[in-house]
């Protein structure tokens, strides 16, 4: 992990000792700080299993971190307010958080970890908050087929009290790698990218849009996996950018990165 100030790179006090997979900003009441998730065991020179906080000067652990498996990892981080106060949610592959049982997803309130219902039965790879109705929801994506005793195929939503599936539990045909919210001019919607070919019962190769009620494709989609999504305004208005292993997007050549303007795909130079 490193910091770019606009002119040069600098380190963050020894960094972390293995892979970083997620970054987000969260204010636990003491001011905004950077939270880092991954496969590391130490941050700086202190133990911090799979997750740590950087306040701009020093690293600190979040309780005793993640455990319960031979190699715990945090693959996704997101801030979500369930109606009580904003909290940090961490998803990945672990069975404990701060020493308590927490299957692959957990909530950090700034002081202690808590379980999120009975957890997820598989690898959580993406977390994003999205509100399509009156209630804000945290969307959980990854490689799983159940949340607790309920069917939820690779995606589920959390309202602060319970998990539920999307679209009758049909879900997606394979794992989600990333999610983001983007407004294409028709209102905000949730976009998911990953290894899937269908979303619900809709053909949507490797990328799909959820409006709160149903799934839809983005043109003809990609020819290979979508691994990352982001929204950026290049001066022509906000657009959705997708990165991954693909070489075509919407049937046009697009070497591993492409732009969706709400209607069609375009390449970014030679990619």
Protein backbone atom coordinates (compact mmCIF):
# COMPACT_ATOMS: atom_id res chain seq x y z
CA UNK A 1 0.00 0.00 0.00
CA UNK A 2 1.24 3.50 -0.85
CA UNK A 3 0.10 7.13 -0.90
CA UNK A 4 0.13 9.48 -3.91
CA UNK A 5 -0.01 13.22 -3.05
CA UNK A 6 -0.27 14.42 -6.65
CA UNK A 7 3.46 14.58 -7.21
CA UNK A 8 5.13 11.58 -5.59
CA UNK A 9 4.57 8.29 -3.82
CA UNK A 10 5.23 7.63 -0.15
CA UNK A 11 4.84 4.65 2.14
CA UNK A 12 2.43 4.21 5.04
CA UNK A 13 4.70 3.31 7.96
CA UNK A 14 5.89 -0.13 6.80
CA UNK A 15 2.59 -0.82 5.05
CA UNK A 16 1.03 -4.26 5.41
CA UNK A 17 2.71 -7.62 4.98
CA UNK A 18 0.51 -9.17 2.28
CA UNK A 19 -2.16 -8.50 -0.33
CA UNK A 20 -4.58 -5.55 -0.01
CA UNK A 21 -8.02 -6.24 -1.50
CA UNK A 22 -10.25 -3.40 -0.25
CA UNK A 23 -10.04 0.27 0.79
CA UNK A 24 -12.70 2.62 2.14
CA UNK A 25 -13.07 5.70 4.35
CA UNK A 26 -15.09 5.53 7.58
CA UNK A 27 -15.58 7.92 10.50
CA UNK A 28 -15.91 5.98 13.76
CA UNK A 29 -16.56 9.19 15.70
CA UNK A 30 -12.93 10.22 15.99
CA UNK A 31 -12.66 11.57 12.44
CA UNK A 32 -12.41 10.02 8.97
CA UNK A 33 -9.76 7.33 8.53
CA UNK A 34 -8.71 4.88 5.84
CA UNK A 35 -9.68 1.26 6.42
CA UNK A 36 -7.76 -1.47 4.63
CA UNK A 37 -8.78 -5.10 4.10
CA UNK A 38 -6.87 -7.99 2.62
CA UNK A 39 -4.86 -11.10 3.39
CA UNK A 40 -2.24 -9.56 5.69
CA UNK A 41 -1.51 -10.39 9.32
CA UNK A 42 0.29 -7.16 10.28
CA UNK A 43 -0.11 -3.43 9.58
CA UNK A 44 2.96 -1.38 10.34
CA UNK A 45 4.66 -3.57 12.91
CA UNK A 46 1.53 -4.54 14.83
CA UNK A 47 -0.78 -7.57 14.48
CA UNK A 48 -3.91 -6.74 12.46
CA UNK A 49 -5.40 -9.91 10.95
CA UNK A 50 -6.97 -9.07 7.55
CA UNK A 51 -8.14 -5.54 8.44
CA UNK A 52 -6.59 -2.33 9.79
CA UNK A 53 -7.16 1.40 10.25
CA UNK A 54 -4.79 4.15 9.04
CA UNK A 55 -5.41 7.56 10.66
CA UNK A 56 -2.82 9.39 8.58
CA UNK A 57 -0.01 8.77 11.05
CA UNK A 58 -0.28 5.28 12.50
CA UNK A 59 -1.88 1.88 11.98
CA UNK A 60 -4.25 0.27 14.45
CA UNK A 61 -6.08 -3.05 14.58
CA UNK A 62 -9.85 -3.48 14.72
CA UNK A 63 -10.11 -5.60 17.83
CA UNK A 64 -8.48 -8.96 17.19
CA UNK A 65 -9.36 -8.84 13.49
CA UNK A 66 -10.58 -11.78 11.44
CA UNK A 67 -9.99 -15.48 12.06
CA UNK A 68 -11.55 -18.91 12.17
CA UNK A 69 -9.95 -20.09 8.91
CA UNK A 70 -6.35 -20.86 7.97
CA UNK A 71 -5.98 -17.73 5.84
CA UNK A 72 -8.63 -15.11 6.65
CA UNK A 73 -9.19 -12.39 4.11
CA UNK A 74 -11.28 -9.24 3.78
CA UNK A 75 -12.24 -8.72 0.14
CA UNK A 76 -14.84 -5.94 0.45
CA UNK A 77 -15.53 -2.94 2.69
CA UNK A 78 -18.51 -0.57 2.72
CA UNK A 79 -20.10 1.97 5.05
CA UNK A 80 -23.83 1.45 5.64
CA UNK A 81 -26.33 3.12 7.96
CA UNK A 82 -28.96 0.61 9.10
CA UNK A 83 -30.99 3.36 10.79
CA UNK A 84 -29.03 3.40 14.03
CA UNK A 85 -25.76 4.96 12.83
CA UNK A 86 -23.23 4.44 10.05
CA UNK A 87 -21.06 1.36 10.53
CA UNK A 88 -18.29 -0.35 8.60
CA UNK A 89 -19.17 -3.68 7.01
CA UNK A 90 -16.44 -6.13 6.05
CA UNK A 91 -16.91 -9.13 3.78
CA UNK A 92 -14.56 -11.88 2.72
CA UNK A 93 -13.56 -15.33 3.91
CA UNK A 94 -13.51 -15.67 7.71
CA UNK A 95 -15.53 -17.28 10.47
CA UNK A 96 -14.79 -14.91 13.34
CA UNK A 97 -14.45 -11.13 13.72
CA UNK A 98 -13.01 -9.81 16.95
CA UNK A 99 -13.35 -13.31 18.39
CA UNK A 100 -17.10 -13.62 17.80
CA UNK A 101 -18.77 -15.94 15.29
CA UNK A 102 -19.30 -14.06 12.01
CA UNK A 103 -19.55 -16.04 8.81
CA UNK A 104 -17.90 -14.11 5.95
CA UNK A 105 -19.49 -10.75 6.84
CA UNK A 106 -19.28 -8.59 9.98
CA UNK A 107 -20.14 -5.11 11.27
CA UNK A 108 -17.70 -2.73 13.02
CA UNK A 109 -19.26 0.18 14.94
CA UNK A 110 -15.97 1.84 15.80
CA UNK A 111 -15.45 -0.12 19.01
CA UNK A 112 -16.62 -3.72 18.62
CA UNK A 113 -17.47 -6.30 15.99
CA UNK A 114 -20.90 -7.86 15.65
CA UNK A 115 -22.33 -10.60 13.46
CA UNK A 116 -24.63 -9.77 10.55
CA UNK A 117 -27.55 -12.16 11.09
CA UNK A 118 -26.20 -15.69 10.61
CA UNK A 119 -23.79 -14.53 7.92
CA UNK A 120 -23.08 -15.72 4.39
CA UNK A 121 -22.23 -19.25 3.34
CA UNK A 122 -19.38 -18.35 1.00
CA UNK A 123 -16.85 -15.77 -0.18
CA UNK A 124 -18.14 -12.17 -0.03
CA UNK A 125 -16.40 -10.21 -2.78
CA UNK A 126 -18.46 -7.01 -3.08
CA UNK A 127 -20.48 -4.71 -0.79
CA UNK A 128 -22.44 -1.66 -1.93
CA UNK A 129 -25.28 0.38 -0.43
CA UNK A 130 -28.17 1.27 -2.74
CA UNK A 131 -31.65 2.65 -2.12
CA UNK A 132 -34.32 2.07 -4.77
CA UNK A 133 -37.33 2.46 -2.47
CA UNK A 134 -37.98 3.90 0.96
CA UNK A 135 -35.40 1.73 2.73
CA UNK A 136 -31.62 1.88 2.22
CA UNK A 137 -30.13 -1.56 1.61
CA UNK A 138 -26.67 -3.07 1.70
CA UNK A 139 -26.07 -5.37 -1.27
CA UNK A 140 -23.76 -8.32 -0.79
CA UNK A 141 -22.20 -10.07 -3.79
CA UNK A 142 -19.79 -12.94 -4.17
CA UNK A 143 -19.57 -16.69 -4.48
CA UNK A 144 -22.38 -18.17 -2.38
CA UNK A 145 -25.80 -19.80 -2.70
CA UNK A 146 -27.41 -19.16 0.68
CA UNK A 147 -27.71 -16.54 3.41
CA UNK A 148 -28.59 -18.39 6.57
CA UNK A 149 -31.26 -20.92 5.56
CA UNK A 150 -32.51 -18.82 2.62
CA UNK A 151 -31.57 -19.23 -1.04
CA UNK A 152 -29.65 -16.24 -2.39
CA UNK A 153 -27.55 -17.06 -5.42
CA UNK A 154 -24.41 -14.90 -5.52
CA UNK A 155 -26.25 -11.77 -4.32
CA UNK A 156 -28.38 -10.74 -1.33
CA UNK A 157 -29.66 -7.56 0.31
CA UNK A 158 -29.48 -6.55 3.98
CA UNK A 159 -31.93 -4.04 5.49
CA UNK A 160 -30.25 -3.81 8.89
CA UNK A 161 -32.32 -6.64 10.34
CA UNK A 162 -32.62 -9.47 7.83
CA UNK A 163 -31.20 -10.75 4.57
CA UNK A 164 -33.37 -11.34 1.51
CA UNK A 165 -32.79 -12.51 -2.04
CA UNK A 166 -33.34 -10.51 -5.24
CA UNK A 167 -35.95 -11.36 -7.83
CA UNK A 168 -37.34 -14.46 -6.19
CA UNK A 169 -33.96 -15.93 -5.34
CA UNK A 170 -32.87 -16.61 -8.93
CA UNK A 171 -29.73 -14.54 -8.50
CA UNK A 172 -26.87 -14.86 -10.95
CA UNK A 173 -25.33 -17.83 -12.70
CA UNK A 174 -21.86 -17.28 -11.22
CA UNK A 175 -19.90 -15.07 -8.83
CA UNK A 176 -20.01 -11.28 -8.55
CA UNK A 177 -16.62 -9.55 -8.37
CA UNK A 178 -17.66 -5.91 -7.97
CA UNK A 179 -20.72 -3.65 -7.68
CA UNK A 180 -21.36 0.08 -7.89
CA UNK A 181 -24.25 2.54 -8.21
CA UNK A 182 -24.64 4.59 -11.40
CA UNK A 183 -27.37 6.88 -12.76
CA UNK A 184 -27.63 6.51 -16.54
CA UNK A 185 -30.28 9.24 -16.73
CA UNK A 186 -33.14 6.97 -15.74
CA UNK A 187 -32.39 7.08 -12.02
CA UNK A 188 -29.74 5.38 -9.89
CA UNK A 189 -29.34 1.63 -10.30
CA UNK A 190 -27.04 -1.07 -9.00
CA UNK A 191 -24.49 -2.46 -11.47
CA UNK A 192 -22.79 -5.81 -10.94
CA UNK A 193 -19.82 -7.31 -12.73
CA UNK A 194 -18.36 -10.78 -12.43
CA UNK A 195 -18.19 -14.28 -13.86
CA UNK A 196 -21.92 -14.73 -14.52
CA UNK A 197 -23.68 -15.10 -17.88
CA UNK A 198 -27.26 -14.65 -16.68
CA UNK A 199 -28.81 -12.37 -14.04
CA UNK A 200 -32.19 -13.54 -12.85
CA UNK A 201 -33.37 -15.25 -16.00
CA UNK A 202 -31.94 -12.55 -18.27
CA UNK A 203 -28.91 -13.10 -20.49
CA UNK A 204 -26.39 -10.49 -19.31
CA UNK A 205 -22.83 -11.63 -20.04
CA UNK A 206 -20.49 -10.63 -17.21
CA UNK A 207 -22.26 -7.36 -16.32
CA UNK A 208 -25.85 -6.45 -15.38
CA UNK A 209 -28.08 -3.68 -14.03
CA UNK A 210 -30.53 -4.03 -11.09
CA UNK A 211 -33.13 -1.24 -10.75
CA UNK A 212 -34.64 -2.52 -7.52
CA UNK A 213 -37.17 -4.74 -9.26
CA UNK A 214 -35.53 -6.53 -12.17
CA UNK A 215 -32.25 -7.26 -13.95
CA UNK A 216 -31.32 -5.98 -17.41
CA UNK A 217 -28.23 -6.39 -19.64
CA UNK A 218 -25.86 -3.66 -20.79
CA UNK A 219 -26.03 -4.16 -24.53
CA UNK A 220 -24.57 -7.56 -25.37
CA UNK A 221 -22.20 -7.43 -22.42
CA UNK A 222 -18.61 -8.65 -22.39
CA UNK A 223 -16.84 -11.70 -23.79
CA UNK A 224 -15.04 -12.41 -20.50
CA UNK A 225 -15.01 -11.66 -16.76
CA UNK A 226 -15.67 -8.15 -15.40
CA UNK A 227 -13.59 -7.59 -12.26
CA UNK A 228 -13.93 -3.88 -11.41
CA UNK A 229 -16.49 -1.08 -11.81
CA UNK A 230 -16.29 2.66 -11.23
CA UNK A 231 -18.11 5.89 -12.11
CA UNK A 232 -16.15 8.81 -13.61
CA UNK A 233 -17.01 12.08 -15.36
CA UNK A 234 -14.45 12.81 -18.08
CA UNK A 235 -16.13 16.13 -18.88
CA UNK A 236 -18.87 14.62 -20.98
CA UNK A 237 -21.01 13.55 -18.05
CA UNK A 238 -20.77 10.67 -15.60
CA UNK A 239 -20.23 7.24 -17.15
CA UNK A 240 -19.70 3.71 -15.91
CA UNK A 241 -16.26 2.20 -16.44
CA UNK A 242 -15.66 -1.55 -16.40
CA UNK A 243 -12.37 -3.41 -16.18
CA UNK A 244 -11.61 -7.10 -16.43
CA UNK A 245 -10.35 -9.89 -18.65
CA UNK A 246 -12.58 -9.08 -21.66
CA UNK A 247 -11.49 -8.02 -25.15
CA UNK A 248 -14.91 -6.95 -26.43
CA UNK A 249 -17.73 -4.89 -24.86
CA UNK A 250 -21.08 -4.70 -26.59
CA UNK A 251 -19.51 -6.46 -29.56
CA UNK A 252 -16.80 -3.85 -30.17
CA UNK A 253 -13.07 -4.31 -29.45
CA UNK A 254 -12.28 -3.05 -25.95
CA UNK A 255 -9.06 -4.29 -24.44
CA UNK A 256 -9.87 -5.02 -20.77
CA UNK A 257 -11.46 -1.64 -20.07
CA UNK A 258 -14.59 -0.02 -21.49
CA UNK A 259 -17.01 2.87 -20.93
CA UNK A 260 -20.83 2.61 -20.70
CA UNK A 261 -22.73 5.88 -21.19
CA UNK A 262 -26.15 4.44 -20.44
CA UNK A 263 -26.85 3.41 -24.02
CA UNK A 264 -23.72 1.94 -25.58
CA UNK A 265 -20.18 0.75 -24.94
CA UNK A 266 -17.01 2.45 -26.17
CA UNK A 267 -13.33 1.59 -25.93
CA UNK A 268 -10.68 3.67 -24.17
CA UNK A 269 -8.07 3.96 -26.88
CA UNK A 270 -6.24 0.67 -27.25
CA UNK A 271 -7.02 -0.28 -23.63
